Amino acid sequence: MNSHAFELMWGGVALLGGGLLATDVRGVAERFQAMSYARRSWPGSVMTCRVIGGVFALVGAGVLIAAGI
């Protein structure tokens, strides 16, 4: 896989996944946070999950813009 295809794939995943977490579509952030009990290093609150999702969405959008989309 070349670097351009990787940038497009990573940017799309970060934008969509981060956007789902940030906007909490169908309780995605709550479910992600509920899994934190099984993995203690994950965020402890829903708001933290949503903020992290927003950061990922912004980074993904930046990568896609830089890649020429």
N, C-alpha and C. Protein backbone atom coordinates (compact mmCIF):
# COMPACT_ATOMS: atom_id res chain seq x y z
N MET A 1 0.85 -1.18 0.00
CA MET A 1 0.00 0.00 0.00
C MET A 1 0.89 1.24 0.00
N ASN A 2 0.62 2.16 -0.90
CA ASN A 2 1.45 3.36 -0.93
C ASN A 2 0.98 4.36 0.12
N SER A 3 1.80 5.38 0.35
CA SER A 3 1.53 6.32 1.44
C SER A 3 0.26 7.14 1.19
N HIS A 4 -0.04 7.46 -0.06
CA HIS A 4 -1.24 8.24 -0.35
C HIS A 4 -2.50 7.45 0.00
N ALA A 5 -2.53 6.19 -0.37
CA ALA A 5 -3.69 5.34 -0.04
C ALA A 5 -3.82 5.18 1.48
N PHE A 6 -2.68 5.04 2.17
CA PHE A 6 -2.72 4.91 3.63
C PHE A 6 -3.25 6.19 4.26
N GLU A 7 -2.82 7.36 3.77
CA GLU A 7 -3.33 8.63 4.30
C GLU A 7 -4.83 8.75 4.11
N LEU A 8 -5.31 8.37 2.94
CA LEU A 8 -6.74 8.43 2.67
C LEU A 8 -7.51 7.49 3.58
N MET A 9 -7.00 6.27 3.74
CA MET A 9 -7.68 5.30 4.60
C MET A 9 -7.67 5.76 6.06
N TRP A 10 -6.50 6.16 6.56
CA TRP A 10 -6.40 6.57 7.96
C TRP A 10 -7.23 7.82 8.22
N GLY A 11 -7.16 8.79 7.31
CA GLY A 11 -7.94 10.01 7.47
C GLY A 11 -9.44 9.74 7.49
N GLY A 12 -9.89 8.85 6.61
CA GLY A 12 -11.32 8.51 6.57
C GLY A 12 -11.78 7.81 7.83
N VAL A 13 -10.99 6.87 8.31
CA VAL A 13 -11.34 6.15 9.54
C VAL A 13 -11.35 7.09 10.74
N ALA A 14 -10.33 7.95 10.84
CA ALA A 14 -10.26 8.90 11.95
C ALA A 14 -11.41 9.89 11.90
N LEU A 15 -11.74 10.38 10.72
CA LEU A 15 -12.83 11.34 10.58
C LEU A 15 -14.17 10.71 10.93
N LEU A 16 -14.45 9.53 10.36
CA LEU A 16 -15.74 8.89 10.62
C LEU A 16 -15.85 8.36 12.05
N GLY A 17 -14.82 7.64 12.51
CA GLY A 17 -14.86 7.10 13.86
C GLY A 17 -14.89 8.19 14.91
N GLY A 18 -14.04 9.19 14.74
CA GLY A 18 -14.02 10.31 15.68
C GLY A 18 -15.32 11.09 15.66
N GLY A 19 -15.88 11.26 14.47
CA GLY A 19 -17.17 11.95 14.36
C GLY A 19 -18.28 11.21 15.06
N LEU A 20 -18.29 9.88 14.94
CA LEU A 20 -19.31 9.08 15.63
C LEU A 20 -19.19 9.23 17.14
N LEU A 21 -17.95 9.18 17.64
CA LEU A 21 -17.75 9.35 19.08
C LEU A 21 -18.13 10.75 19.53
N ALA A 22 -17.69 11.77 18.80
CA ALA A 22 -17.93 13.15 19.21
C ALA A 22 -19.42 13.49 19.23
N THR A 23 -20.15 13.00 18.24
CA THR A 23 -21.58 13.32 18.18
C THR A 23 -22.44 12.31 18.94
N ASP A 24 -21.81 11.24 19.41
CA ASP A 24 -22.49 10.22 20.23
C ASP A 24 -23.68 9.61 19.50
N VAL A 25 -23.48 9.29 18.23
CA VAL A 25 -24.54 8.69 17.43
C VAL A 25 -24.94 7.35 18.04
N ARG A 26 -26.21 7.20 18.34
CA ARG A 26 -26.79 5.98 18.90
C ARG A 26 -26.03 5.47 20.13
N GLY A 27 -25.51 6.39 20.93
CA GLY A 27 -24.86 6.02 22.19
C GLY A 27 -23.50 5.38 22.04
N VAL A 28 -22.80 5.67 20.93
CA VAL A 28 -21.49 5.07 20.70
C VAL A 28 -20.52 5.44 21.82
N ALA A 29 -20.51 6.70 22.26
CA ALA A 29 -19.58 7.12 23.31
C ALA A 29 -19.87 6.40 24.62
N GLU A 30 -21.15 6.19 24.94
CA GLU A 30 -21.50 5.47 26.16
C GLU A 30 -21.01 4.03 26.12
N ARG A 31 -21.19 3.39 24.96
CA ARG A 31 -20.73 2.01 24.83
C ARG A 31 -19.22 1.91 24.88
N PHE A 32 -18.54 2.87 24.26
CA PHE A 32 -17.08 2.88 24.29
C PHE A 32 -16.59 3.08 25.72
N GLN A 33 -17.24 3.99 26.44
CA GLN A 33 -16.84 4.24 27.83
C GLN A 33 -17.15 3.05 28.71
N ALA A 34 -18.25 2.36 28.47
CA ALA A 34 -18.60 1.19 29.28
C ALA A 34 -17.57 0.08 29.13
N MET A 35 -16.91 0.02 27.99
CA MET A 35 -15.87 -0.99 27.79
C MET A 35 -14.60 -0.65 28.58
N SER A 36 -14.51 0.58 29.11
CA SER A 36 -13.30 0.99 29.83
C SER A 36 -13.10 0.19 31.10
N TYR A 37 -14.16 -0.42 31.62
CA TYR A 37 -14.01 -1.25 32.83
C TYR A 37 -13.18 -2.49 32.52
N ALA A 38 -13.27 -2.97 31.30
CA ALA A 38 -12.47 -4.13 30.91
C ALA A 38 -11.04 -3.73 30.58
N ARG A 39 -10.86 -2.51 30.14
CA ARG A 39 -9.52 -2.00 29.78
C ARG A 39 -9.31 -0.70 30.54
N ARG A 40 -8.66 -0.77 31.67
CA ARG A 40 -8.57 0.35 32.61
C ARG A 40 -7.89 1.59 32.06
N SER A 41 -7.12 1.47 30.98
CA SER A 41 -6.41 2.63 30.46
C SER A 41 -7.31 3.50 29.56
N TRP A 42 -8.52 3.04 29.27
CA TRP A 42 -9.42 3.82 28.41
C TRP A 42 -10.07 4.94 29.21
N PRO A 43 -10.65 5.93 28.55
CA PRO A 43 -11.25 7.07 29.26
C PRO A 43 -12.34 6.65 30.23
N GLY A 44 -12.40 7.36 31.36
CA GLY A 44 -13.36 7.02 32.40
C GLY A 44 -14.69 7.73 32.29
N SER A 45 -14.82 8.69 31.40
CA SER A 45 -16.10 9.40 31.28
C SER A 45 -16.52 9.52 29.82
N VAL A 46 -17.81 9.68 29.63
CA VAL A 46 -18.37 9.81 28.29
C VAL A 46 -17.88 11.11 27.65
N MET A 47 -17.82 12.19 28.44
CA MET A 47 -17.37 13.47 27.89
C MET A 47 -15.93 13.38 27.39
N THR A 48 -15.08 12.68 28.12
CA THR A 48 -13.70 12.49 27.66
C THR A 48 -13.66 11.72 26.35
N CYS A 49 -14.49 10.70 26.22
CA CYS A 49 -14.58 9.93 24.97
C CYS A 49 -15.00 10.83 23.83
N ARG A 50 -15.96 11.72 24.09
CA ARG A 50 -16.45 12.60 23.04
C ARG A 50 -15.40 13.62 22.62
N VAL A 51 -14.65 14.14 23.60
CA VAL A 51 -13.58 15.10 23.28
C VAL A 51 -12.49 14.42 22.45
N ILE A 52 -12.10 13.21 22.86
CA ILE A 52 -11.09 12.46 22.11
C ILE A 52 -11.60 12.18 20.69
N GLY A 53 -12.88 11.83 20.57
CA GLY A 53 -13.46 11.61 19.25
C GLY A 53 -13.41 12.86 18.39
N GLY A 54 -13.68 14.02 18.99
CA GLY A 54 -13.60 15.28 18.26
C GLY A 54 -12.20 15.57 17.76
N VAL A 55 -11.21 15.28 18.60
CA VAL A 55 -9.81 15.48 18.20
C VAL A 55 -9.47 14.56 17.03
N PHE A 56 -9.88 13.29 17.12
CA PHE A 56 -9.62 12.36 16.01
C PHE A 56 -10.31 12.82 14.73
N ALA A 57 -11.53 13.32 14.84
CA ALA A 57 -12.25 13.78 13.65
C ALA A 57 -11.52 14.96 13.01
N LEU A 58 -11.04 15.88 13.82
CA LEU A 58 -10.31 17.03 13.28
C LEU A 58 -9.00 16.61 12.63
N VAL A 59 -8.28 15.71 13.28
CA VAL A 59 -7.02 15.23 12.71
C VAL A 59 -7.28 14.48 11.41
N GLY A 60 -8.32 13.66 11.40
CA GLY A 60 -8.67 12.94 10.17
C GLY A 60 -9.02 13.88 9.04
N ALA A 61 -9.78 14.93 9.35
CA ALA A 61 -10.11 15.91 8.32
C ALA A 61 -8.85 16.61 7.82
N GLY A 62 -7.94 16.93 8.73
CA GLY A 62 -6.68 17.56 8.33
C GLY A 62 -5.85 16.67 7.42
N VAL A 63 -5.80 15.39 7.75
CA VAL A 63 -5.05 14.44 6.92
C VAL A 63 -5.66 14.34 5.53
N LEU A 64 -6.99 14.28 5.47
CA LEU A 64 -7.66 14.19 4.17
C LEU A 64 -7.44 15.45 3.34
N ILE A 65 -7.47 16.60 3.98
CA ILE A 65 -7.23 17.86 3.27
C ILE A 65 -5.79 17.90 2.75
N ALA A 66 -4.85 17.49 3.61
CA ALA A 66 -3.44 17.47 3.21
C ALA A 66 -3.19 16.48 2.07
N ALA A 67 -3.99 15.40 2.05
CA ALA A 67 -3.83 14.39 1.01
C ALA A 67 -4.47 14.81 -0.31
N GLY A 68 -5.20 15.92 -0.29
CA GLY A 68 -5.76 16.44 -1.54
C GLY A 68 -7.22 16.12 -1.76
N ILE A 69 -7.94 15.81 -0.71
CA ILE A 69 -9.38 15.53 -0.88
C ILE A 69 -10.17 16.79 -0.58
